[in-house]
């Protein structure tokens, strides 16, 4: 959240950096689990099978997959914002707020 607002990592301390790294790891895990679960539900074994689908099948499968990923990531971001709101307070107290 801080990086998005400032586009500058110079004011991050190691604690904050570890929090961002943890969020990145969790988001990556969610994406991987979502992809694997989606493929399994579709009776597919890998993403190449989706890419080899006829155009209509590919487009509908892609749309459904992106919707599934979007829902999962939105839930993750909402939860992370609630749990990490203390970082915003810390940022503001340390004077990191955008001027």
Protein backbone atom coordinates (compact mmCIF):
# COMPACT_ATOMS: atom_id res chain seq x y z
CA UNK A 1 0.00 0.00 0.00
CA UNK A 2 2.84 2.36 0.84
CA UNK A 3 4.74 1.55 -2.37
CA UNK A 4 1.63 2.12 -4.45
CA UNK A 5 1.15 5.53 -2.90
CA UNK A 6 4.76 6.72 -2.97
CA UNK A 7 6.42 4.75 -5.81
CA UNK A 8 9.47 4.79 -3.54
CA UNK A 9 10.86 1.95 -1.46
CA UNK A 10 13.53 4.06 0.26
CA UNK A 11 11.35 4.74 3.29
CA UNK A 12 10.49 1.10 3.92
CA UNK A 13 12.07 -0.54 6.91
CA UNK A 14 12.77 -4.27 7.06
CA UNK A 15 9.57 -4.97 9.00
CA UNK A 16 7.44 -3.38 6.32
CA UNK A 17 9.43 -5.01 3.54
CA UNK A 18 8.85 -8.42 5.12
CA UNK A 19 5.13 -7.65 5.28
CA UNK A 20 5.05 -6.79 1.57
CA UNK A 21 7.06 -9.90 0.74
CA UNK A 22 4.57 -11.96 2.74
CA UNK A 23 1.65 -10.42 0.87
CA UNK A 24 3.36 -11.14 -2.44
CA UNK A 25 3.92 -14.77 -1.42
CA UNK A 26 0.30 -15.18 -0.32
CA UNK A 27 -1.02 -13.62 -3.53
CA UNK A 28 1.21 -15.93 -5.60
CA UNK A 29 -0.05 -18.94 -3.67
CA UNK A 30 -3.66 -17.89 -4.23
CA UNK A 31 -3.05 -17.48 -7.96
CA UNK A 32 -1.38 -20.87 -8.24
CA UNK A 33 -4.07 -22.64 -6.22
CA UNK A 34 -6.80 -20.89 -8.20
CA UNK A 35 -5.25 -21.90 -11.51
CA UNK A 36 -4.78 -25.53 -10.48
CA UNK A 37 -8.29 -25.74 -8.99
CA UNK A 38 -9.83 -24.15 -12.07
CA UNK A 39 -8.01 -26.53 -14.42
CA UNK A 40 -9.12 -29.51 -12.33
CA UNK A 41 -12.76 -28.33 -12.38
CA UNK A 42 -12.55 -28.01 -16.16
CA UNK A 43 -11.07 -31.51 -16.49
CA UNK A 44 -7.76 -30.09 -17.74
CA UNK A 45 -4.26 -30.91 -16.59
CA UNK A 46 -2.33 -27.80 -17.65
CA UNK A 47 -2.71 -24.33 -19.11
CA UNK A 48 -1.46 -25.46 -22.53
CA UNK A 49 -4.72 -27.33 -23.00
CA UNK A 50 -6.62 -24.08 -22.60
CA UNK A 51 -4.34 -22.34 -25.07
CA UNK A 52 -4.98 -25.08 -27.65
CA UNK A 53 -8.77 -24.78 -27.40
CA UNK A 54 -10.81 -23.56 -30.37
CA UNK A 55 -11.33 -19.77 -30.22
CA UNK A 56 -14.85 -19.87 -28.74
CA UNK A 57 -13.92 -22.40 -26.07
CA UNK A 58 -10.75 -20.51 -25.26
CA UNK A 59 -12.54 -17.18 -24.93
CA UNK A 60 -15.26 -18.51 -22.61
CA UNK A 61 -12.75 -20.48 -20.51
CA UNK A 62 -10.45 -17.46 -20.26
CA UNK A 63 -13.34 -15.22 -19.20
CA UNK A 64 -14.46 -17.69 -16.53
CA UNK A 65 -10.89 -18.14 -15.26
CA UNK A 66 -10.25 -14.40 -15.02
CA UNK A 67 -13.51 -13.96 -13.14
CA UNK A 68 -12.51 -16.72 -10.71
CA UNK A 69 -9.06 -15.19 -10.17
CA UNK A 70 -10.56 -11.72 -9.78
CA UNK A 71 -12.97 -12.89 -7.09
CA UNK A 72 -10.20 -14.67 -5.19
CA UNK A 73 -7.82 -11.73 -5.38
CA UNK A 74 -10.52 -9.24 -4.38
CA UNK A 75 -11.26 -11.31 -1.29
CA UNK A 76 -7.53 -11.52 -0.52
CA UNK A 77 -7.00 -7.75 -0.93
CA UNK A 78 -10.03 -6.97 1.24
CA UNK A 79 -8.78 -9.24 3.99
CA UNK A 80 -5.21 -7.92 3.73
CA UNK A 81 -6.38 -4.31 3.95
CA UNK A 82 -8.24 -5.05 7.15
CA UNK A 83 -5.41 -6.99 8.73
CA UNK A 84 -2.69 -4.58 7.68
CA UNK A 85 -4.44 -1.32 8.37
CA UNK A 86 -2.01 -0.86 11.24
CA UNK A 87 0.73 -0.33 8.63
CA UNK A 88 -1.10 2.73 7.35
CA UNK A 89 -1.24 4.12 10.88
CA UNK A 90 2.47 3.39 11.32
CA UNK A 91 3.25 5.03 7.98
CA UNK A 92 1.30 8.14 8.92
CA UNK A 93 2.94 8.36 12.35
CA UNK A 94 6.39 8.15 10.78
CA UNK A 95 5.58 10.94 8.35
CA UNK A 96 5.48 8.75 5.25
CA UNK A 97 2.14 10.14 4.14
CA UNK A 98 2.14 11.61 0.67
CA UNK A 99 2.66 15.38 0.77
